[in-house]
Amino acid sequence: MKKALYPMLAADLFLSACDETDIAKGTPSCIRQSVINLERESVCDDGVSVNEYFFQGKTVYVFNPGNCIADGSSEVLDADCNRLGFLGGFGGNTVNDGQVFFSTAEFRRTIWEKNITE
């Protein structure tokens, strides 16, 4: 029994170390996975981040694709990974669900940002 336990613990430690690099504690699992996907798929080195806000009575996450994409938009997800809309983009959208996002949303924290040395 002990012989089987050690390899499982080692594998668990290895796998958890891979996807929890710099993601803030307390981040919902689906948001955590979306952050990992953004990190893998991002073409930018600057401005790529995920910020947590309190908006319309709930916690939401804004996925910033980075500064190297002209007219790139930031996806807004709730804690269950439901898409709530996009900010920025070609038209410079600032409205989400009928409210101007950045004047009504309360910034809480940055849960992840791309490390340029990666």
PDB file of N, CA and C in Angstrom:
ATOM      1  N   MET A   1       0.826  -1.196   0.000  1.00  0.00           N
ATOM      2  CA  MET A   1       0.000   0.000   0.000  1.00  0.00           C
ATOM      3  C   MET A   1       0.870   1.260   0.000  1.00  0.00           C
ATOM      4  N   LYS A   2       1.917   1.297   0.845  1.00  0.00           N
ATOM      5  CA  LYS A   2       2.780   2.467   0.898  1.00  0.00           C
ATOM      6  C   LYS A   2       3.526   2.666  -0.415  1.00  0.00           C
ATOM      7  N   LYS A   3       3.899   1.567  -1.062  1.00  0.00           N
ATOM      8  CA  LYS A   3       4.634   1.668  -2.317  1.00  0.00           C
ATOM      9  C   LYS A   3       3.799   2.346  -3.397  1.00  0.00           C
ATOM     10  N   ALA A   4       2.517   2.115  -3.407  1.00  0.00           N
ATOM     11  CA  ALA A   4       1.630   2.727  -4.398  1.00  0.00           C
ATOM     12  C   ALA A   4       1.343   4.190  -4.060  1.00  0.00           C
ATOM     13  N   LEU A   5       1.383   4.522  -2.793  1.00  0.00           N
ATOM     14  CA  LEU A   5       1.065   5.886  -2.354  1.00  0.00           C
ATOM     15  C   LEU A   5       2.131   6.892  -2.792  1.00  0.00           C
ATOM     16  N   TYR A   6       3.396   6.554  -2.678  1.00  0.00           N
ATOM     17  CA  TYR A   6       4.472   7.485  -3.013  1.00  0.00           C
ATOM     18  C   TYR A   6       4.458   7.929  -4.480  1.00  0.00           C
ATOM     19  N   PRO A   7       4.319   7.018  -5.438  1.00  0.00           N
ATOM     20  CA  PRO A   7       4.256   7.481  -6.837  1.00  0.00           C
ATOM     21  C   PRO A   7       3.045   8.376  -7.105  1.00  0.00           C
ATOM     22  N   MET A   8       1.910   8.088  -6.463  1.00  0.00           N
ATOM     23  CA  MET A   8       0.726   8.928  -6.655  1.00  0.00           C
ATOM     24  C   MET A   8       0.950  10.322  -6.081  1.00  0.00           C
ATOM     25  N   LEU A   9       1.581  10.412  -4.920  1.00  0.00           N
ATOM     26  CA  LEU A   9       1.869  11.714  -4.322  1.00  0.00           C
ATOM     27  C   LEU A   9       2.850  12.504  -5.180  1.00  0.00           C
ATOM     28  N   ALA A  10       3.850  11.828  -5.698  1.00  0.00           N
ATOM     29  CA  ALA A  10       4.833  12.492  -6.555  1.00  0.00           C
ATOM     30  C   ALA A  10       4.176  13.012  -7.831  1.00  0.00           C
ATOM     31  N   ALA A  11       3.321  12.209  -8.438  1.00  0.00           N
ATOM     32  CA  ALA A  11       2.614  12.623  -9.653  1.00  0.00           C
ATOM     33  C   ALA A  11       1.691  13.804  -9.374  1.00  0.00           C
ATOM     34  N   ASP A  12       0.999  13.768  -8.246  1.00  0.00           N
ATOM     35  CA  ASP A  12       0.104  14.864  -7.869  1.00  0.00           C
ATOM     36  C   ASP A  12       0.887  16.156  -7.666  1.00  0.00           C
ATOM     37  N   LEU A  13       2.001  16.072  -6.995  1.00  0.00           N
ATOM     38  CA  LEU A  13       2.835  17.247  -6.767  1.00  0.00           C
ATOM     39  C   LEU A  13       3.352  17.803  -8.083  1.00  0.00           C
ATOM     40  N   PHE A  14       3.802  16.946  -8.974  1.00  0.00           N
ATOM     41  CA  PHE A  14       4.301  17.373 -10.277  1.00  0.00           C
ATOM     42  C   PHE A  14       3.213  18.051 -11.092  1.00  0.00           C
ATOM     43  N   LEU A  15       2.044  17.448 -11.182  1.00  0.00           N
ATOM     44  CA  LEU A  15       0.965  18.004 -11.993  1.00  0.00           C
ATOM     45  C   LEU A  15       0.426  19.308 -11.416  1.00  0.00           C
ATOM     46  N   SER A  16       0.300  19.395 -10.113  1.00  0.00           N
ATOM     47  CA  SER A  16      -0.224  20.625  -9.523  1.00  0.00           C
ATOM     48  C   SER A  16       0.778  21.752  -9.638  1.00  0.00           C
ATOM     49  N   ALA A  17       2.057  21.448  -9.629  1.00  0.00           N
ATOM     50  CA  ALA A  17       3.074  22.491  -9.772  1.00  0.00           C
ATOM     51  C   ALA A  17       3.046  23.081 -11.175  1.00  0.00           C
ATOM     52  N   CYS A  18       2.624  22.325 -12.171  1.00  0.00           N
ATOM     53  CA  CYS A  18       2.619  22.802 -13.549  1.00  0.00           C
ATOM     54  C   CYS A  18       1.550  23.851 -13.796  1.00  0.00           C
ATOM     55  N   ASP A  19       0.339  23.675 -13.247  1.00  0.00           N
ATOM     56  CA  ASP A  19      -0.706  24.602 -13.594  1.00  0.00           C
ATOM     57  C   ASP A  19      -1.047  25.590 -12.498  1.00  0.00           C
ATOM     58  N   GLU A  20      -0.307  25.680 -11.451  1.00  0.00           N
ATOM     59  CA  GLU A  20      -0.605  26.653 -10.425  1.00  0.00           C
ATOM     60  C   GLU A  20       0.551  27.629 -10.256  1.00  0.00           C
ATOM     61  N   THR A  21       1.257  27.871 -11.327  1.00  0.00           N
ATOM     62  CA  THR A  21       2.464  28.664 -11.270  1.00  0.00           C
ATOM     63  C   THR A  21       2.271  29.971 -10.532  1.00  0.00           C
ATOM     64  N   ASP A  22       1.521  30.877 -11.080  1.00  0.00           N
ATOM     65  CA  ASP A  22       1.373  32.198 -10.487  1.00  0.00           C
ATOM     66  C   ASP A  22      -0.080  32.625 -10.350  1.00  0.00           C
ATOM     67  N   ILE A  23      -0.995  31.699 -10.273  1.00  0.00           N
ATOM     68  CA  ILE A  23      -2.416  32.024 -10.177  1.00  0.00           C
ATOM     69  C   ILE A  23      -2.775  32.194  -8.698  1.00  0.00           C
ATOM     70  N   ALA A  24      -3.460  33.289  -8.394  1.00  0.00           N
ATOM     71  CA  ALA A  24      -3.795  33.610  -7.004  1.00  0.00           C
ATOM     72  C   ALA A  24      -4.638  32.518  -6.356  1.00  0.00           C
ATOM     73  N   LYS A  25      -4.386  32.310  -5.083  1.00  0.00           N
ATOM     74  CA  LYS A  25      -5.166  31.328  -4.310  1.00  0.00           C
ATOM     75  C   LYS A  25      -6.613  31.786  -4.231  1.00  0.00           C
ATOM     76  N   GLY A  26      -7.512  30.822  -4.162  1.00  0.00           N
ATOM     77  CA  GLY A  26      -8.931  31.120  -4.063  1.00  0.00           C
ATOM     78  C   GLY A  26      -9.608  31.353  -5.401  1.00  0.00           C
ATOM     79  N   THR A  27      -8.869  31.184  -6.481  1.00  0.00           N
ATOM     80  CA  THR A  27      -9.431  31.360  -7.821  1.00  0.00           C
ATOM     81  C   THR A  27     -10.247  30.115  -8.174  1.00  0.00           C
ATOM     82  N   PRO A  28     -11.505  30.288  -8.629  1.00  0.00           N
ATOM     83  CA  PRO A  28     -12.323  29.123  -9.004  1.00  0.00           C
ATOM     84  C   PRO A  28     -11.627  28.257 -10.055  1.00  0.00           C
ATOM     85  N   SER A  29     -11.883  26.954  -9.997  1.00  0.00           N
ATOM     86  CA  SER A  29     -11.163  26.016 -10.864  1.00  0.00           C
ATOM     87  C   SER A  29     -11.374  26.285 -12.353  1.00  0.00           C
ATOM     88  N   CYS A  30     -12.575  26.651 -12.769  1.00  0.00           N
ATOM     89  CA  CYS A  30     -12.788  26.890 -14.202  1.00  0.00           C
ATOM     90  C   CYS A  30     -12.057  28.159 -14.647  1.00  0.00           C
ATOM     91  N   ILE A  31     -11.979  29.159 -13.778  1.00  0.00           N
ATOM     92  CA  ILE A  31     -11.222  30.376 -14.089  1.00  0.00           C
ATOM     93  C   ILE A  31      -9.738  30.038 -14.140  1.00  0.00           C
ATOM     94  N   ARG A  32      -9.293  29.216 -13.216  1.00  0.00           N
ATOM     95  CA  ARG A  32      -7.896  28.764 -13.189  1.00  0.00           C
ATOM     96  C   ARG A  32      -7.538  28.096 -14.525  1.00  0.00           C
ATOM     97  N   GLN A  33      -8.408  27.230 -15.020  1.00  0.00           N
ATOM     98  CA  GLN A  33      -8.149  26.551 -16.291  1.00  0.00           C
ATOM     99  C   GLN A  33      -8.154  27.543 -17.449  1.00  0.00           C
ATOM    100  N   SER A  34      -9.038  28.532 -17.407  1.00  0.00           N
ATOM    101  CA  SER A  34      -9.070  29.562 -18.451  1.00  0.00           C
ATOM    102  C   SER A  34      -7.798  30.398 -18.441  1.00  0.00           C
ATOM    103  N   VAL A  35      -7.250  30.650 -17.258  1.00  0.00           N
ATOM    104  CA  VAL A  35      -5.979  31.375 -17.139  1.00  0.00           C
ATOM    105  C   VAL A  35      -4.859  30.559 -17.768  1.00  0.00           C
ATOM    106  N   ILE A  36      -4.825  29.273 -17.473  1.00  0.00           N
ATOM    107  CA  ILE A  36      -3.806  28.386 -18.044  1.00  0.00           C
ATOM    108  C   ILE A  36      -3.907  28.390 -19.569  1.00  0.00           C
ATOM    109  N   ASN A  37      -5.129  28.358 -20.094  1.00  0.00           N
ATOM    110  CA  ASN A  37      -5.330  28.398 -21.546  1.00  0.00           C
ATOM    111  C   ASN A  37      -4.838  29.726 -22.127  1.00  0.00           C
ATOM    112  N   LEU A  38      -5.149  30.840 -21.443  1.00  0.00           N
ATOM    113  CA  LEU A  38      -4.687  32.145 -21.904  1.00  0.00           C
ATOM    114  C   LEU A  38      -3.165  32.204 -21.920  1.00  0.00           C
ATOM    115  N   GLU A  39      -2.545  31.676 -20.887  1.00  0.00           N
ATOM    116  CA  GLU A  39      -1.084  31.682 -20.806  1.00  0.00           C
ATOM    117  C   GLU A  39      -0.476  30.905 -21.975  1.00  0.00           C
ATOM    118  N   ARG A  40      -1.046  29.771 -22.304  1.00  0.00           N
ATOM    119  CA  ARG A  40      -0.529  28.929 -23.389  1.00  0.00           C
ATOM    120  C   ARG A  40      -0.759  29.550 -24.764  1.00  0.00           C
ATOM    121  N   GLU A  41      -1.889  30.241 -24.935  1.00  0.00           N
ATOM    122  CA  GLU A  41      -2.288  30.720 -26.257  1.00  0.00           C
ATOM    123  C   GLU A  41      -1.881  32.161 -26.541  1.00  0.00           C
ATOM    124  N   SER A  42      -1.467  32.889 -25.541  1.00  0.00           N
ATOM    125  CA  SER A  42      -1.165  34.306 -25.708  1.00  0.00           C
ATOM    126  C   SER A  42       0.033  34.526 -26.619  1.00  0.00           C
ATOM    127  N   VAL A  43      -0.108  35.476 -27.531  1.00  0.00           N
ATOM    128  CA  VAL A  43       0.996  35.838 -28.421  1.00  0.00           C
ATOM    129  C   VAL A  43       1.718  37.087 -27.932  1.00  0.00           C
ATOM    130  N   CYS A  44       1.150  37.773 -26.963  1.00  0.00           N
ATOM    131  CA  CYS A  44       1.732  39.019 -26.445  1.00  0.00           C
ATOM    132  C   CYS A  44       2.643  38.737 -25.255  1.00  0.00           C
ATOM    133  N   ASP A  45       3.603  39.630 -25.068  1.00  0.00           N
ATOM    134  CA  ASP A  45       4.473  39.552 -23.902  1.00  0.00           C
ATOM    135  C   ASP A  45       4.130  40.617 -22.866  1.00  0.00           C
ATOM    136  N   ASP A  46       3.354  41.614 -23.255  1.00  0.00           N
ATOM    137  CA  ASP A  46       3.072  42.740 -22.378  1.00  0.00           C
ATOM    138  C   ASP A  46       1.569  42.936 -22.200  1.00  0.00           C
ATOM    139  N   GLY A  47       1.141  43.116 -20.975  1.00  0.00           N
ATOM    140  CA  GLY A  47      -0.251  43.437 -20.699  1.00  0.00           C
ATOM    141  C   GLY A  47      -1.195  42.263 -20.589  1.00  0.00           C
ATOM    142  N   VAL A  48      -0.687  41.052 -20.678  1.00  0.00           N
ATOM    143  CA  VAL A  48      -1.537  39.866 -20.574  1.00  0.00           C
ATOM    144  C   VAL A  48      -1.788  39.601 -19.091  1.00  0.00           C
ATOM    145  N   SER A  49      -3.064  39.627 -18.701  1.00  0.00           N
ATOM    146  CA  SER A  49      -3.389  39.453 -17.281  1.00  0.00           C
ATOM    147  C   SER A  49      -4.845  39.055 -17.114  1.00  0.00           C
ATOM    148  N   VAL A  50      -5.168  38.650 -15.890  1.00  0.00           N
ATOM    149  CA  VAL A  50      -6.543  38.377 -15.513  1.00  0.00           C
ATOM    150  C   VAL A  50      -6.789  39.108 -14.199  1.00  0.00           C
ATOM    151  N   ASN A  51      -7.798  39.969 -14.220  1.00  0.00           N
ATOM    152  CA  ASN A  51      -8.131  40.761 -13.037  1.00  0.00           C
ATOM    153  C   ASN A  51      -9.497  40.376 -12.499  1.00  0.00           C
ATOM    154  N   GLU A  52      -9.618  40.434 -11.196  1.00  0.00           N
ATOM    155  CA  GLU A  52     -10.869  40.105 -10.516  1.00  0.00           C
ATOM    156  C   GLU A  52     -11.556  41.407 -10.100  1.00  0.00           C
ATOM    157  N   TYR A  53     -12.857  41.486 -10.379  1.00  0.00           N
ATOM    158  CA  TYR A  53     -13.670  42.647 -10.032  1.00  0.00           C
ATOM    159  C   TYR A  53     -14.939  42.199  -9.327  1.00  0.00           C
ATOM    160  N   PHE A  54     -15.573  43.125  -8.616  1.00  0.00           N
ATOM    161  CA  PHE A  54     -16.919  42.928  -8.081  1.00  0.00           C
ATOM    162  C   PHE A  54     -17.822  43.795  -8.940  1.00  0.00           C
ATOM    163  N   PHE A  55     -18.766  43.171  -9.652  1.00  0.00           N
ATOM    164  CA  PHE A  55     -19.604  43.879 -10.623  1.00  0.00           C
ATOM    165  C   PHE A  55     -21.023  43.328 -10.561  1.00  0.00           C
ATOM    166  N   GLN A  56     -21.979  44.209 -10.380  1.00  0.00           N
ATOM    167  CA  GLN A  56     -23.393  43.852 -10.322  1.00  0.00           C
ATOM    168  C   GLN A  56     -23.668  42.734  -9.314  1.00  0.00           C
ATOM    169  N   GLY A  57     -23.042  42.836  -8.155  1.00  0.00           N
ATOM    170  CA  GLY A  57     -23.307  41.904  -7.067  1.00  0.00           C
ATOM    171  C   GLY A  57     -22.593  40.572  -7.137  1.00  0.00           C
ATOM    172  N   LYS A  58     -21.644  40.428  -8.069  1.00  0.00           N
ATOM    173  CA  LYS A  58     -20.927  39.159  -8.151  1.00  0.00           C
ATOM    174  C   LYS A  58     -19.478  39.384  -8.562  1.00  0.00           C
ATOM    175  N   THR A  59     -18.668  38.360  -8.321  1.00  0.00           N
ATOM    176  CA  THR A  59     -17.269  38.387  -8.713  1.00  0.00           C
ATOM    177  C   THR A  59     -17.155  38.023 -10.187  1.00  0.00           C
ATOM    178  N   VAL A  60     -16.420  38.849 -10.926  1.00  0.00           N
ATOM    179  CA  VAL A  60     -16.197  38.598 -12.349  1.00  0.00           C
ATOM    180  C   VAL A  60     -14.701  38.706 -12.638  1.00  0.00           C
ATOM    181  N   TYR A  61     -14.298  38.146 -13.763  1.00  0.00           N
ATOM    182  CA  TYR A  61     -12.893  38.100 -14.149  1.00  0.00           C
ATOM    183  C   TYR A  61     -12.742  38.674 -15.556  1.00  0.00           C
ATOM    184  N   VAL A  62     -11.784  39.585 -15.720  1.00  0.00           N
ATOM    185  CA  VAL A  62     -11.517  40.205 -17.018  1.00  0.00           C
ATOM    186  C   VAL A  62     -10.187  39.657 -17.537  1.00  0.00           C
ATOM    187  N   PHE A  63     -10.244  39.009 -18.701  1.00  0.00           N
ATOM    188  CA  PHE A  63      -9.082  38.383 -19.333  1.00  0.00           C
ATOM    189  C   PHE A  63      -8.515  39.352 -20.376  1.00  0.00           C
ATOM    190  N   ASN A  64      -7.405  39.977 -20.044  1.00  0.00           N
ATOM    191  CA  ASN A  64      -6.753  40.946 -20.930  1.00  0.00           C
ATOM    192  C   ASN A  64      -5.784  40.209 -21.849  1.00  0.00           C
ATOM    193  N   PRO A  65      -5.989  40.272 -23.179  1.00  0.00           N
ATOM    194  CA  PRO A  65      -5.159  39.502 -24.107  1.00  0.00           C
ATOM    195  C   PRO A  65      -3.764  40.068 -24.338  1.00  0.00           C
ATOM    196  N   GLY A  66      -3.529  41.298 -23.911  1.00  0.00           N
ATOM    197  CA  GLY A  66      -2.207  41.900 -24.079  1.00  0.00           C
ATOM    198  C   GLY A  66      -2.224  43.122 -24.962  1.00  0.00           C
ATOM    199  N   ASN A  67      -1.109  43.832 -24.953  1.00  0.00           N
ATOM    200  CA  ASN A  67      -0.999  45.103 -25.663  1.00  0.00           C
ATOM    201  C   ASN A  67      -0.542  44.974 -27.112  1.00  0.00           C
ATOM    202  N   CYS A  68      -0.147  43.789 -27.534  1.00  0.00           N
ATOM    203  CA  CYS A  68       0.384  43.649 -28.898  1.00  0.00           C
ATOM    204  C   CYS A  68      -0.717  43.416 -29.931  1.00  0.00           C
ATOM    205  N   ILE A  69      -1.947  43.289 -29.501  1.00  0.00           N
ATOM    206  CA  ILE A  69      -3.057  43.031 -30.419  1.00  0.00           C
ATOM    207  C   ILE A  69      -3.849  44.322 -30.587  1.00  0.00           C
ATOM    208  N   ALA A  70      -3.774  44.917 -31.770  1.00  0.00           N
ATOM    209  CA  ALA A  70      -4.534  46.132 -32.034  1.00  0.00           C
ATOM    210  C   ALA A  70      -6.023  45.809 -31.965  1.00  0.00           C
ATOM    211  N   ASP A  71      -6.730  46.594 -31.215  1.00  0.00           N
ATOM    212  CA  ASP A  71      -8.183  46.439 -31.066  1.00  0.00           C
ATOM    213  C   ASP A  71      -8.588  45.100 -30.457  1.00  0.00           C
ATOM    214  N   GLY A  72      -7.719  44.512 -29.630  1.00  0.00           N
ATOM    215  CA  GLY A  72      -8.059  43.275 -28.938  1.00  0.00           C
ATOM    216  C   GLY A  72      -9.089  43.556 -27.854  1.00  0.00           C
ATOM    217  N   SER A  73      -9.958  42.613 -27.608  1.00  0.00           N
ATOM    218  CA  SER A  73     -10.972  42.797 -26.572  1.00  0.00           C
ATOM    219  C   SER A  73     -10.704  41.866 -25.398  1.00  0.00           C
ATOM    220  N   SER A  74     -11.157  42.293 -24.239  1.00  0.00           N
ATOM    221  CA  SER A  74     -10.993  41.518 -23.005  1.00  0.00           C
ATOM    222  C   SER A  74     -12.304  40.818 -22.682  1.00  0.00           C
ATOM    223  N   GLU A  75     -12.226  39.514 -22.524  1.00  0.00           N
ATOM    224  CA  GLU A  75     -13.409  38.723 -22.202  1.00  0.00           C
ATOM    225  C   GLU A  75     -13.733  38.856 -20.714  1.00  0.00           C
ATOM    226  N   VAL A  76     -15.025  38.948 -20.396  1.00  0.00           N
ATOM    227  CA  VAL A  76     -15.485  39.032 -19.014  1.00  0.00           C
ATOM    228  C   VAL A  76     -16.254  37.750 -18.697  1.00  0.00           C
ATOM    229  N   LEU A  77     -15.798  37.033 -17.653  1.00  0.00           N
ATOM    230  CA  LEU A  77     -16.441  35.786 -17.226  1.00  0.00           C
ATOM    231  C   LEU A  77     -16.850  35.899 -15.766  1.00  0.00           C
ATOM    232  N   ASP A  78     -17.915  35.187 -15.397  1.00  0.00           N
ATOM    233  CA  ASP A  78     -18.246  35.093 -13.974  1.00  0.00           C
ATOM    234  C   ASP A  78     -17.494  33.920 -13.360  1.00  0.00           C
ATOM    235  N   ALA A  79     -17.684  33.681 -12.084  1.00  0.00           N
ATOM    236  CA  ALA A  79     -16.933  32.643 -11.370  1.00  0.00           C
ATOM    237  C   ALA A  79     -17.244  31.233 -11.859  1.00  0.00           C
ATOM    238  N   ASP A  80     -18.347  31.063 -12.616  1.00  0.00           N
ATOM    239  CA  ASP A  80     -18.696  29.763 -13.187  1.00  0.00           C
ATOM    240  C   ASP A  80     -18.298  29.664 -14.654  1.00  0.00           C
ATOM    241  N   CYS A  81     -17.497  30.624 -15.111  1.00  0.00           N
ATOM    242  CA  CYS A  81     -17.012  30.685 -16.497  1.00  0.00           C
ATOM    243  C   CYS A  81     -18.101  30.948 -17.522  1.00  0.00           C
ATOM    244  N   ASN A  82     -19.183  31.576 -17.095  1.00  0.00           N
ATOM    245  CA  ASN A  82     -20.198  32.028 -18.042  1.00  0.00           C
ATOM    246  C   ASN A  82     -19.713  33.334 -18.659  1.00  0.00           C
ATOM    247  N   ARG A  83     -19.748  33.433 -19.976  1.00  0.00           N
ATOM    248  CA  ARG A  83     -19.309  34.638 -20.674  1.00  0.00           C
ATOM    249  C   ARG A  83     -20.352  35.740 -20.467  1.00  0.00           C
ATOM    250  N   LEU A  84     -19.895  36.868 -19.952  1.00  0.00           N
ATOM    251  CA  LEU A  84     -20.773  38.004 -19.704  1.00  0.00           C
ATOM    252  C   LEU A  84     -20.637  39.084 -20.770  1.00  0.00           C
ATOM    253  N   GLY A  85     -19.565  39.030 -21.535  1.00  0.00           N
ATOM    254  CA  GLY A  85     -19.368  40.014 -22.587  1.00  0.00           C
ATOM    255  C   GLY A  85     -17.902  40.277 -22.839  1.00  0.00           C
ATOM    256  N   PHE A  86     -17.655  41.369 -23.584  1.00  0.00           N
ATOM    257  CA  PHE A  86     -16.295  41.766 -23.942  1.00  0.00           C
ATOM    258  C   PHE A  86     -16.133  43.260 -23.712  1.00  0.00           C
ATOM    259  N   LEU A  87     -14.930  43.658 -23.344  1.00  0.00           N
ATOM    260  CA  LEU A  87     -14.595  45.067 -23.171  1.00  0.00           C
ATOM    261  C   LEU A  87     -13.487  45.412 -24.148  1.00  0.00           C
ATOM    262  N   GLY A  88     -13.458  46.652 -24.597  1.00  0.00           N
ATOM    263  CA  GLY A  88     -12.426  47.080 -25.544  1.00  0.00           C
ATOM    264  C   GLY A  88     -12.802  46.680 -26.943  1.00  0.00           C
ATOM    265  N   GLY A  89     -11.836  46.232 -27.705  1.00  0.00           N
ATOM    266  CA  GLY A  89     -12.086  45.811 -29.079  1.00  0.00           C
ATOM    267  C   GLY A  89     -12.109  46.983 -30.041  1.00  0.00           C
ATOM    268  N   PHE A  90     -12.544  46.715 -31.259  1.00  0.00           N
ATOM    269  CA  PHE A  90     -12.532  47.707 -32.329  1.00  0.00           C
ATOM    270  C   PHE A  90     -13.304  48.968 -31.959  1.00  0.00           C
ATOM    271  N   GLY A  91     -14.458  48.803 -31.368  1.00  0.00           N
ATOM    272  CA  GLY A  91     -15.285  49.956 -31.001  1.00  0.00           C
ATOM    273  C   GLY A  91     -14.973  50.524 -29.632  1.00  0.00           C
ATOM    274  N   GLY A  92     -14.059  49.910 -28.896  1.00  0.00           N
ATOM    275  CA  GLY A  92     -13.711  50.403 -27.569  1.00  0.00           C
ATOM    276  C   GLY A  92     -14.839  50.238 -26.555  1.00  0.00           C
ATOM    277  N   ASN A  93     -15.547  49.141 -26.629  1.00  0.00           N
ATOM    278  CA  ASN A  93     -16.689  48.905 -25.753  1.00  0.00           C
ATOM    279  C   ASN A  93     -16.309  49.023 -24.270  1.00  0.00           C
ATOM    280  N   THR A  94     -17.126  49.733 -23.505  1.00  0.00           N
ATOM    281  CA  THR A  94     -16.929  49.855 -22.061  1.00  0.00           C
ATOM    282  C   THR A  94     -18.160  49.396 -21.294  1.00  0.00           C
ATOM    283  N   VAL A  95     -19.205  48.964 -22.015  1.00  0.00           N
ATOM    284  CA  VAL A  95     -20.476  48.597 -21.391  1.00  0.00           C
ATOM    285  C   VAL A  95     -20.597  47.089 -21.297  1.00  0.00           C
ATOM    286  N   ASN A  96     -21.016  46.627 -20.123  1.00  0.00           N
ATOM    287  CA  ASN A  96     -21.268  45.210 -19.901  1.00  0.00           C
ATOM    288  C   ASN A  96     -22.591  45.103 -19.157  1.00  0.00           C
ATOM    289  N   ASP A  97     -23.530  44.407 -19.720  1.00  0.00           N
ATOM    290  CA  ASP A  97     -24.855  44.212 -19.136  1.00  0.00           C
ATOM    291  C   ASP A  97     -25.522  45.549 -18.792  1.00  0.00           C
ATOM    292  N   GLY A  98     -25.409  46.499 -19.704  1.00  0.00           N
ATOM    293  CA  GLY A  98     -26.098  47.773 -19.553  1.00  0.00           C
ATOM    294  C   GLY A  98     -25.422  48.798 -18.661  1.00  0.00           C
ATOM    295  N   GLN A  99     -24.265  48.488 -18.098  1.00  0.00           N
ATOM    296  CA  GLN A  99     -23.563  49.438 -17.237  1.00  0.00           C
ATOM    297  C   GLN A  99     -22.144  49.648 -17.734  1.00  0.00           C
ATOM    298  N   VAL A 100     -21.662  50.890 -17.553  1.00  0.00           N
ATOM    299  CA  VAL A 100     -20.268  51.174 -17.886  1.00  0.00           C
ATOM    300  C   VAL A 100     -19.417  50.423 -16.870  1.00  0.00           C
ATOM    301  N   PHE A 101     -18.633  49.473 -17.366  1.00  0.00           N
ATOM    302  CA  PHE A 101     -17.945  48.535 -16.492  1.00  0.00           C
ATOM    303  C   PHE A 101     -16.968  49.205 -15.541  1.00  0.00           C
ATOM    304  N   PHE A 102     -16.010  49.946 -16.061  1.00  0.00           N
ATOM    305  CA  PHE A 102     -14.923  50.435 -15.217  1.00  0.00           C
ATOM    306  C   PHE A 102     -15.327  51.559 -14.274  1.00  0.00           C
ATOM    307  N   SER A 103     -16.491  52.176 -14.466  1.00  0.00           N
ATOM    308  CA  SER A 103     -16.930  53.176 -13.490  1.00  0.00           C
ATOM    309  C   SER A 103     -17.827  52.566 -12.416  1.00  0.00           C
ATOM    310  N   THR A 104     -18.307  51.336 -12.644  1.00  0.00           N
ATOM    311  CA  THR A 104     -19.169  50.695 -11.644  1.00  0.00           C
ATOM    312  C   THR A 104     -18.537  49.453 -11.012  1.00  0.00           C
ATOM    313  N   ALA A 105     -17.573  48.844 -11.679  1.00  0.00           N
ATOM    314  CA  ALA A 105     -16.929  47.640 -11.145  1.00  0.00           C
ATOM    315  C   ALA A 105     -15.870  48.033 -10.122  1.00  0.00           C
ATOM    316  N   GLU A 106     -15.749  47.220  -9.087  1.00  0.00           N
ATOM    317  CA  GLU A 106     -14.739  47.440  -8.045  1.00  0.00           C
ATOM    318  C   GLU A 106     -13.593  46.463  -8.260  1.00  0.00           C
ATOM    319  N   PHE A 107     -12.402  47.006  -8.557  1.00  0.00           N
ATOM    320  CA  PHE A 107     -11.228  46.167  -8.740  1.00  0.00           C
ATOM    321  C   PHE A 107     -10.878  45.514  -7.409  1.00  0.00           C
ATOM    322  N   ARG A 108     -10.648  44.198  -7.449  1.00  0.00           N
ATOM    323  CA  ARG A 108     -10.239  43.480  -6.238  1.00  0.00           C
ATOM    324  C   ARG A 108      -8.767  43.104  -6.267  1.00  0.00           C
ATOM    325  N   ARG A 109      -8.340  42.440  -7.343  1.00  0.00           N
ATOM    326  CA  ARG A 109      -6.947  41.991  -7.400  1.00  0.00           C
ATOM    327  C   ARG A 109      -6.624  41.475  -8.800  1.00  0.00           C
ATOM    328  N   THR A 110      -5.338  41.399  -9.076  1.00  0.00           N
ATOM    329  CA  THR A 110      -4.853  40.727 -10.270  1.00  0.00           C
ATOM    330  C   THR A 110      -4.584  39.290  -9.856  1.00  0.00           C
ATOM    331  N   ILE A 111      -5.255  38.340 -10.510  1.00  0.00           N
ATOM    332  CA  ILE A 111      -5.055  36.946 -10.110  1.00  0.00           C
ATOM    333  C   ILE A 111      -3.932  36.274 -10.891  1.00  0.00           C
ATOM    334  N   TRP A 112      -3.573  36.879 -12.041  1.00  0.00           N
ATOM    335  CA  TRP A 112      -2.467  36.330 -12.830  1.00  0.00           C
ATOM    336  C   TRP A 112      -2.021  37.386 -13.832  1.00  0.00           C
ATOM    337  N   GLU A 113      -0.718  37.442 -14.095  1.00  0.00           N
ATOM    338  CA  GLU A 113      -0.196  38.241 -15.196  1.00  0.00           C
ATOM    339  C   GLU A 113       0.982  37.517 -15.797  1.00  0.00           C
ATOM    340  N   LYS A 114       1.125  37.668 -17.088  1.00  0.00           N
ATOM    341  CA  LYS A 114       2.169  36.958 -17.813  1.00  0.00           C
ATOM    342  C   LYS A 114       3.534  37.501 -17.397  1.00  0.00           C
ATOM    343  N   ASN A 115       4.410  36.574 -17.101  1.00  0.00           N
ATOM    344  CA  ASN A 115       5.774  36.917 -16.749  1.00  0.00           C
ATOM    345  C   ASN A 115       6.580  36.977 -18.035  1.00  0.00           C
ATOM    346  N   ILE A 116       7.173  38.115 -18.333  1.00  0.00           N
ATOM    347  CA  ILE A 116       7.886  38.313 -19.592  1.00  0.00           C
ATOM    348  C   ILE A 116       9.054  37.346 -19.760  1.00  0.00           C
ATOM    349  N   THR A 117       9.596  36.837 -18.677  1.00  0.00           N
ATOM    350  CA  THR A 117      10.741  35.921 -18.769  1.00  0.00           C
ATOM    351  C   THR A 117      10.331  34.502 -19.134  1.00  0.00           C
ATOM    352  N   GLU A 118       9.047  34.233 -19.321  1.00  0.00           N
ATOM    353  CA  GLU A 118       8.594  32.878 -19.647  1.00  0.00           C
ATOM    354  C   GLU A 118       9.017  32.475 -21.028  1.00  0.00           C
TER     355      GLU A 118
END
